[in-house]
Amino acid sequence: MNRRRWQDHIAFIVGIWLISSPWVFGRFSPDSMPMGSAAWNFLVCGTAIAILGLAALASYRFWEEWVNLLIGVWLVASPWIF
């Protein structure tokens, strides 16, 4: 059964956006490395979301949706934690 959905494509795009957002918004040091905990948070979470999006496109697993949900909850809460 083919479970490829548009949400998986969007998850991959959101992951790529989170990876690139520290550079887009200028949160990088002179040597082009992200600086600050918020930039590293976006980099790590974006990588995880992009990998899960690609994994869902290749082979659908139900647990991937729950991991994406947990990462999303973390991204909403992380500005107050950091």
PDB file of N, CA and C in Angstrom:
ATOM      1  N   MET A   1       0.842  -1.167   0.000  1.00  0.00           N
ATOM      2  CA  MET A   1       0.000   0.000   0.000  1.00  0.00           C
ATOM      3  C   MET A   1       0.894   1.239   0.000  1.00  0.00           C
ATOM      4  N   ASN A   2       0.606   2.154  -0.878  1.00  0.00           N
ATOM      5  CA  ASN A   2       1.386   3.380  -0.990  1.00  0.00           C
ATOM      6  C   ASN A   2       0.821   4.430  -0.038  1.00  0.00           C
ATOM      7  N   ARG A   3       1.588   4.769   0.992  1.00  0.00           N
ATOM      8  CA  ARG A   3       1.144   5.729   2.000  1.00  0.00           C
ATOM      9  C   ARG A   3       1.836   7.076   1.847  1.00  0.00           C
ATOM     10  N   ARG A   4       2.357   7.362   0.662  1.00  0.00           N
ATOM     11  CA  ARG A   4       3.042   8.634   0.435  1.00  0.00           C
ATOM     12  C   ARG A   4       2.010   9.761   0.444  1.00  0.00           C
ATOM     13  N   ARG A   5       2.219  10.741   1.308  1.00  0.00           N
ATOM     14  CA  ARG A   5       1.258  11.822   1.460  1.00  0.00           C
ATOM     15  C   ARG A   5       1.940  13.164   1.296  1.00  0.00           C
ATOM     16  N   TRP A   6       1.152  14.199   1.073  1.00  0.00           N
ATOM     17  CA  TRP A   6       1.711  15.540   0.888  1.00  0.00           C
ATOM     18  C   TRP A   6       2.328  16.056   2.180  1.00  0.00           C
ATOM     19  N   GLN A   7       1.853  15.597   3.326  1.00  0.00           N
ATOM     20  CA  GLN A   7       2.402  16.053   4.601  1.00  0.00           C
ATOM     21  C   GLN A   7       3.876  15.657   4.755  1.00  0.00           C
ATOM     22  N   ASP A   8       4.250  14.526   4.170  1.00  0.00           N
ATOM     23  CA  ASP A   8       5.638  14.098   4.254  1.00  0.00           C
ATOM     24  C   ASP A   8       6.547  15.024   3.449  1.00  0.00           C
ATOM     25  N   HIS A   9       6.051  15.494   2.310  1.00  0.00           N
ATOM     26  CA  HIS A   9       6.810  16.473   1.529  1.00  0.00           C
ATOM     27  C   HIS A   9       6.970  17.779   2.307  1.00  0.00           C
ATOM     28  N   ILE A  10       5.899  18.215   2.937  1.00  0.00           N
ATOM     29  CA  ILE A  10       5.932  19.453   3.723  1.00  0.00           C
ATOM     30  C   ILE A  10       6.878  19.301   4.918  1.00  0.00           C
ATOM     31  N   ALA A  11       6.876  18.143   5.561  1.00  0.00           N
ATOM     32  CA  ALA A  11       7.791  17.920   6.688  1.00  0.00           C
ATOM     33  C   ALA A  11       9.239  18.031   6.234  1.00  0.00           C
ATOM     34  N   PHE A  12       9.559  17.500   5.075  1.00  0.00           N
ATOM     35  CA  PHE A  12      10.920  17.609   4.555  1.00  0.00           C
ATOM     36  C   PHE A  12      11.275  19.065   4.276  1.00  0.00           C
ATOM     37  N   ILE A  13      10.361  19.817   3.683  1.00  0.00           N
ATOM     38  CA  ILE A  13      10.606  21.231   3.373  1.00  0.00           C
ATOM     39  C   ILE A  13      10.774  22.042   4.658  1.00  0.00           C
ATOM     40  N   VAL A  14       9.954  21.767   5.661  1.00  0.00           N
ATOM     41  CA  VAL A  14      10.082  22.463   6.946  1.00  0.00           C
ATOM     42  C   VAL A  14      11.426  22.139   7.592  1.00  0.00           C
ATOM     43  N   GLY A  15      11.853  20.888   7.488  1.00  0.00           N
ATOM     44  CA  GLY A  15      13.162  20.520   8.023  1.00  0.00           C
ATOM     45  C   GLY A  15      14.285  21.279   7.349  1.00  0.00           C
ATOM     46  N   ILE A  16      14.231  21.396   6.027  1.00  0.00           N
ATOM     47  CA  ILE A  16      15.251  22.155   5.296  1.00  0.00           C
ATOM     48  C   ILE A  16      15.211  23.630   5.702  1.00  0.00           C
ATOM     49  N   TRP A  17      14.013  24.181   5.878  1.00  0.00           N
ATOM     50  CA  TRP A  17      13.898  25.573   6.308  1.00  0.00           C
ATOM     51  C   TRP A  17      14.499  25.771   7.695  1.00  0.00           C
ATOM     52  N   LEU A  18      14.236  24.850   8.624  1.00  0.00           N
ATOM     53  CA  LEU A  18      14.796  24.980   9.961  1.00  0.00           C
ATOM     54  C   LEU A  18      16.314  24.884   9.937  1.00  0.00           C
ATOM     55  N   ILE A  19      16.866  24.051   9.065  1.00  0.00           N
ATOM     56  CA  ILE A  19      18.317  23.946   8.948  1.00  0.00           C
ATOM     57  C   ILE A  19      18.905  25.260   8.437  1.00  0.00           C
ATOM     58  N   SER A  20      18.265  25.864   7.458  1.00  0.00           N
ATOM     59  CA  SER A  20      18.827  27.067   6.835  1.00  0.00           C
ATOM     60  C   SER A  20      18.467  28.362   7.556  1.00  0.00           C
ATOM     61  N   SER A  21      17.511  28.347   8.458  1.00  0.00           N
ATOM     62  CA  SER A  21      17.046  29.591   9.085  1.00  0.00           C
ATOM     63  C   SER A  21      18.107  30.342   9.890  1.00  0.00           C
ATOM     64  N   PRO A  22      19.066  29.695  10.586  1.00  0.00           N
ATOM     65  CA  PRO A  22      20.092  30.510  11.257  1.00  0.00           C
ATOM     66  C   PRO A  22      20.899  31.358  10.285  1.00  0.00           C
ATOM     67  N   TRP A  23      21.131  30.870   9.086  1.00  0.00           N
ATOM     68  CA  TRP A  23      21.887  31.648   8.101  1.00  0.00           C
ATOM     69  C   TRP A  23      21.004  32.701   7.434  1.00  0.00           C
ATOM     70  N   VAL A  24      19.738  32.377   7.222  1.00  0.00           N
ATOM     71  CA  VAL A  24      18.824  33.333   6.597  1.00  0.00           C
ATOM     72  C   VAL A  24      18.611  34.540   7.499  1.00  0.00           C
ATOM     73  N   PHE A  25      18.469  34.315   8.788  1.00  0.00           N
ATOM     74  CA  PHE A  25      18.207  35.406   9.720  1.00  0.00           C
ATOM     75  C   PHE A  25      19.466  35.952  10.381  1.00  0.00           C
ATOM     76  N   GLY A  26      20.638  35.539   9.923  1.00  0.00           N
ATOM     77  CA  GLY A  26      21.877  36.122  10.395  1.00  0.00           C
ATOM     78  C   GLY A  26      22.338  35.680  11.760  1.00  0.00           C
ATOM     79  N   ARG A  27      21.957  34.521  12.198  1.00  0.00           N
ATOM     80  CA  ARG A  27      22.398  34.013  13.498  1.00  0.00           C
ATOM     81  C   ARG A  27      23.609  33.102  13.322  1.00  0.00           C
ATOM     82  N   PHE A  28      24.666  33.643  12.735  1.00  0.00           N
ATOM     83  CA  PHE A  28      25.874  32.862  12.547  1.00  0.00           C
ATOM     84  C   PHE A  28      27.082  33.709  12.889  1.00  0.00           C
ATOM     85  N   SER A  29      28.164  33.037  13.204  1.00  0.00           N
ATOM     86  CA  SER A  29      29.401  33.730  13.556  1.00  0.00           C
ATOM     87  C   SER A  29      30.186  34.051  12.287  1.00  0.00           C
ATOM     88  N   PRO A  30      31.266  34.815  12.394  1.00  0.00           N
ATOM     89  CA  PRO A  30      32.036  35.168  11.201  1.00  0.00           C
ATOM     90  C   PRO A  30      32.564  33.967  10.413  1.00  0.00           C
ATOM     91  N   ASP A  31      32.740  32.833  11.044  1.00  0.00           N
ATOM     92  CA  ASP A  31      33.211  31.656  10.312  1.00  0.00           C
ATOM     93  C   ASP A  31      32.056  30.799   9.794  1.00  0.00           C
ATOM     94  N   SER A  32      30.863  31.366   9.712  1.00  0.00           N
ATOM     95  CA  SER A  32      29.662  30.737   9.146  1.00  0.00           C
ATOM     96  C   SER A  32      29.157  29.535   9.929  1.00  0.00           C
ATOM     97  N   MET A  33      29.456  29.496  11.203  1.00  0.00           N
ATOM     98  CA  MET A  33      28.902  28.452  12.062  1.00  0.00           C
ATOM     99  C   MET A  33      27.752  29.055  12.865  1.00  0.00           C
ATOM    100  N   PRO A  34      26.672  28.317  13.046  1.00  0.00           N
ATOM    101  CA  PRO A  34      25.575  28.842  13.854  1.00  0.00           C
ATOM    102  C   PRO A  34      26.033  29.114  15.278  1.00  0.00           C
ATOM    103  N   MET A  35      25.533  30.198  15.867  1.00  0.00           N
ATOM    104  CA  MET A  35      25.912  30.492  17.239  1.00  0.00           C
ATOM    105  C   MET A  35      24.663  30.624  18.093  1.00  0.00           C
ATOM    106  N   GLY A  36      24.799  30.276  19.320  1.00  0.00           N
ATOM    107  CA  GLY A  36      23.694  30.347  20.250  1.00  0.00           C
ATOM    108  C   GLY A  36      22.910  29.050  20.290  1.00  0.00           C
ATOM    109  N   SER A  37      22.253  28.832  21.407  1.00  0.00           N
ATOM    110  CA  SER A  37      21.502  27.592  21.584  1.00  0.00           C
ATOM    111  C   SER A  37      20.291  27.520  20.662  1.00  0.00           C
ATOM    112  N   ALA A  38      19.673  28.657  20.350  1.00  0.00           N
ATOM    113  CA  ALA A  38      18.508  28.633  19.462  1.00  0.00           C
ATOM    114  C   ALA A  38      18.898  28.196  18.051  1.00  0.00           C
ATOM    115  N   ALA A  39      20.034  28.670  17.573  1.00  0.00           N
ATOM    116  CA  ALA A  39      20.488  28.275  16.235  1.00  0.00           C
ATOM    117  C   ALA A  39      20.810  26.791  16.190  1.00  0.00           C
ATOM    118  N   TRP A  40      21.471  26.285  17.208  1.00  0.00           N
ATOM    119  CA  TRP A  40      21.775  24.855  17.234  1.00  0.00           C
ATOM    120  C   TRP A  40      20.511  24.025  17.406  1.00  0.00           C
ATOM    121  N   ASN A  41      19.547  24.539  18.159  1.00  0.00           N
ATOM    122  CA  ASN A  41      18.270  23.845  18.311  1.00  0.00           C
ATOM    123  C   ASN A  41      17.582  23.699  16.962  1.00  0.00           C
ATOM    124  N   PHE A  42      17.524  24.776  16.182  1.00  0.00           N
ATOM    125  CA  PHE A  42      16.919  24.705  14.855  1.00  0.00           C
ATOM    126  C   PHE A  42      17.679  23.756  13.943  1.00  0.00           C
ATOM    127  N   LEU A  43      19.001  23.772  14.030  1.00  0.00           N
ATOM    128  CA  LEU A  43      19.812  22.908  13.187  1.00  0.00           C
ATOM    129  C   LEU A  43      19.568  21.429  13.488  1.00  0.00           C
ATOM    130  N   VAL A  44      19.557  21.077  14.760  1.00  0.00           N
ATOM    131  CA  VAL A  44      19.355  19.678  15.150  1.00  0.00           C
ATOM    132  C   VAL A  44      17.924  19.229  14.860  1.00  0.00           C
ATOM    133  N   CYS A  45      16.936  20.041  15.246  1.00  0.00           N
ATOM    134  CA  CYS A  45      15.542  19.673  15.013  1.00  0.00           C
ATOM    135  C   CYS A  45      15.226  19.639  13.520  1.00  0.00           C
ATOM    136  N   GLY A  46      15.769  20.575  12.761  1.00  0.00           N
ATOM    137  CA  GLY A  46      15.540  20.588  11.320  1.00  0.00           C
ATOM    138  C   GLY A  46      16.120  19.368  10.644  1.00  0.00           C
ATOM    139  N   THR A  47      17.303  18.951  11.082  1.00  0.00           N
ATOM    140  CA  THR A  47      17.901  17.739  10.525  1.00  0.00           C
ATOM    141  C   THR A  47      17.039  16.513  10.835  1.00  0.00           C
ATOM    142  N   ALA A  48      16.567  16.422  12.059  1.00  0.00           N
ATOM    143  CA  ALA A  48      15.716  15.286  12.438  1.00  0.00           C
ATOM    144  C   ALA A  48      14.419  15.278  11.640  1.00  0.00           C
ATOM    145  N   ILE A  49      13.786  16.434  11.473  1.00  0.00           N
ATOM    146  CA  ILE A  49      12.528  16.503  10.728  1.00  0.00           C
ATOM    147  C   ILE A  49      12.750  16.176   9.259  1.00  0.00           C
ATOM    148  N   ALA A  50      13.836  16.686   8.674  1.00  0.00           N
ATOM    149  CA  ALA A  50      14.115  16.390   7.267  1.00  0.00           C
ATOM    150  C   ALA A  50      14.379  14.902   7.061  1.00  0.00           C
ATOM    151  N   ILE A  51      15.126  14.290   7.953  1.00  0.00           N
ATOM    152  CA  ILE A  51      15.397  12.851   7.839  1.00  0.00           C
ATOM    153  C   ILE A  51      14.119  12.051   8.004  1.00  0.00           C
ATOM    154  N   LEU A  52      13.288  12.428   8.965  1.00  0.00           N
ATOM    155  CA  LEU A  52      12.019  11.725   9.141  1.00  0.00           C
ATOM    156  C   LEU A  52      11.087  11.922   7.950  1.00  0.00           C
ATOM    157  N   GLY A  53      11.108  13.112   7.352  1.00  0.00           N
ATOM    158  CA  GLY A  53      10.303  13.350   6.156  1.00  0.00           C
ATOM    159  C   GLY A  53      10.744  12.472   4.998  1.00  0.00           C
ATOM    160  N   LEU A  54      12.042  12.356   4.808  1.00  0.00           N
ATOM    161  CA  LEU A  54      12.555  11.472   3.752  1.00  0.00           C
ATOM    162  C   LEU A  54      12.245  10.009   4.061  1.00  0.00           C
ATOM    163  N   ALA A  55      12.384   9.630   5.326  1.00  0.00           N
ATOM    164  CA  ALA A  55      12.083   8.253   5.699  1.00  0.00           C
ATOM    165  C   ALA A  55      10.608   7.931   5.477  1.00  0.00           C
ATOM    166  N   ALA A  56       9.737   8.885   5.763  1.00  0.00           N
ATOM    167  CA  ALA A  56       8.305   8.666   5.544  1.00  0.00           C
ATOM    168  C   ALA A  56       7.982   8.567   4.061  1.00  0.00           C
ATOM    169  N   LEU A  57       8.727   9.294   3.230  1.00  0.00           N
ATOM    170  CA  LEU A  57       8.514   9.182   1.788  1.00  0.00           C
ATOM    171  C   LEU A  57       8.969   7.819   1.271  1.00  0.00           C
ATOM    172  N   ALA A  58      10.029   7.286   1.844  1.00  0.00           N
ATOM    173  CA  ALA A  58      10.554   6.003   1.391  1.00  0.00           C
ATOM    174  C   ALA A  58       9.707   4.842   1.906  1.00  0.00           C
ATOM    175  N   SER A  59       9.384   4.869   3.177  1.00  0.00           N
ATOM    176  CA  SER A  59       8.635   3.773   3.778  1.00  0.00           C
ATOM    177  C   SER A  59       7.874   4.315   4.982  1.00  0.00           C
ATOM    178  N   TYR A  60       6.564   4.312   4.918  1.00  0.00           N
ATOM    179  CA  TYR A  60       5.732   4.894   5.967  1.00  0.00           C
ATOM    180  C   TYR A  60       5.770   4.043   7.223  1.00  0.00           C
ATOM    181  N   ARG A  61       6.032   4.682   8.325  1.00  0.00           N
ATOM    182  CA  ARG A  61       5.943   4.059   9.646  1.00  0.00           C
ATOM    183  C   ARG A  61       5.155   5.002  10.545  1.00  0.00           C
ATOM    184  N   PHE A  62       4.306   4.423  11.368  1.00  0.00           N
ATOM    185  CA  PHE A  62       3.446   5.227  12.223  1.00  0.00           C
ATOM    186  C   PHE A  62       4.233   6.004  13.271  1.00  0.00           C
ATOM    187  N   TRP A  63       5.329   5.436  13.768  1.00  0.00           N
ATOM    188  CA  TRP A  63       6.096   6.091  14.822  1.00  0.00           C
ATOM    189  C   TRP A  63       6.742   7.373  14.331  1.00  0.00           C
ATOM    190  N   GLU A  64       7.000   7.482  13.007  1.00  0.00           N
ATOM    191  CA  GLU A  64       7.610   8.706  12.481  1.00  0.00           C
ATOM    192  C   GLU A  64       6.710   9.913  12.695  1.00  0.00           C
ATOM    193  N   GLU A  65       5.411   9.706  12.603  1.00  0.00           N
ATOM    194  CA  GLU A  65       4.465  10.796  12.825  1.00  0.00           C
ATOM    195  C   GLU A  65       4.516  11.280  14.280  1.00  0.00           C
ATOM    196  N   TRP A  66       4.651  10.349  15.211  1.00  0.00           N
ATOM    197  CA  TRP A  66       4.703  10.721  16.617  1.00  0.00           C
ATOM    198  C   TRP A  66       6.011  11.422  16.961  1.00  0.00           C
ATOM    199  N   VAL A  67       7.092  11.003  16.347  1.00  0.00           N
ATOM    200  CA  VAL A  67       8.376  11.676  16.588  1.00  0.00           C
ATOM    201  C   VAL A  67       8.324  13.097  16.039  1.00  0.00           C
ATOM    202  N   ASN A  68       7.735  13.272  14.847  1.00  0.00           N
ATOM    203  CA  ASN A  68       7.562  14.620  14.294  1.00  0.00           C
ATOM    204  C   ASN A  68       6.710  15.484  15.226  1.00  0.00           C
ATOM    205  N   LEU A  69       5.679  14.902  15.801  1.00  0.00           N
ATOM    206  CA  LEU A  69       4.829  15.641  16.741  1.00  0.00           C
ATOM    207  C   LEU A  69       5.623  16.063  17.972  1.00  0.00           C
ATOM    208  N   LEU A  70       6.429  15.176  18.519  1.00  0.00           N
ATOM    209  CA  LEU A  70       7.237  15.509  19.693  1.00  0.00           C
ATOM    210  C   LEU A  70       8.262  16.593  19.375  1.00  0.00           C
ATOM    211  N   ILE A  71       8.881  16.521  18.202  1.00  0.00           N
ATOM    212  CA  ILE A  71       9.831  17.566  17.809  1.00  0.00           C
ATOM    213  C   ILE A  71       9.109  18.900  17.648  1.00  0.00           C
ATOM    214  N   GLY A  72       7.902  18.870  17.101  1.00  0.00           N
ATOM    215  CA  GLY A  72       7.116  20.094  16.968  1.00  0.00           C
ATOM    216  C   GLY A  72       6.774  20.710  18.309  1.00  0.00           C
ATOM    217  N   VAL A  73       6.398  19.880  19.265  1.00  0.00           N
ATOM    218  CA  VAL A  73       6.111  20.374  20.616  1.00  0.00           C
ATOM    219  C   VAL A  73       7.380  20.969  21.235  1.00  0.00           C
ATOM    220  N   TRP A  74       8.513  20.300  21.028  1.00  0.00           N
ATOM    221  CA  TRP A  74       9.782  20.843  21.526  1.00  0.00           C
ATOM    222  C   TRP A  74      10.088  22.193  20.888  1.00  0.00           C
ATOM    223  N   LEU A  75       9.860  22.331  19.584  1.00  0.00           N
ATOM    224  CA  LEU A  75      10.142  23.597  18.915  1.00  0.00           C
ATOM    225  C   LEU A  75       9.254  24.728  19.427  1.00  0.00           C
ATOM    226  N   VAL A  76       8.029  24.403  19.809  1.00  0.00           N
ATOM    227  CA  VAL A  76       7.141  25.428  20.357  1.00  0.00           C
ATOM    228  C   VAL A  76       7.607  25.825  21.768  1.00  0.00           C
ATOM    229  N   ALA A  77       8.053  24.858  22.560  1.00  0.00           N
ATOM    230  CA  ALA A  77       8.428  25.139  23.947  1.00  0.00           C
ATOM    231  C   ALA A  77       9.850  25.666  24.098  1.00  0.00           C
ATOM    232  N   SER A  78      10.722  25.393  23.152  1.00  0.00           N
ATOM    233  CA  SER A  78      12.145  25.702  23.314  1.00  0.00           C
ATOM    234  C   SER A  78      12.481  27.185  23.475  1.00  0.00           C
ATOM    235  N   PRO A  79      11.753  28.134  22.889  1.00  0.00           N
ATOM    236  CA  PRO A  79      12.121  29.542  23.161  1.00  0.00           C
ATOM    237  C   PRO A  79      12.024  29.909  24.637  1.00  0.00           C
ATOM    238  N   TRP A  80      11.108  29.309  25.357  1.00  0.00           N
ATOM    239  CA  TRP A  80      10.986  29.612  26.778  1.00  0.00           C
ATOM    240  C   TRP A  80      11.989  28.823  27.605  1.00  0.00           C
ATOM    241  N   ILE A  81      12.421  27.698  27.104  1.00  0.00           N
ATOM    242  CA  ILE A  81      13.409  26.895  27.823  1.00  0.00           C
ATOM    243  C   ILE A  81      14.798  27.502  27.670  1.00  0.00           C
ATOM    244  N   PHE A  82      15.119  27.976  26.458  1.00  0.00           N
ATOM    245  CA  PHE A  82      16.427  28.581  26.239  1.00  0.00           C
ATOM    246  C   PHE A  82      16.392  30.039  26.589  1.00  0.00           C
TER     247      PHE A  82
END
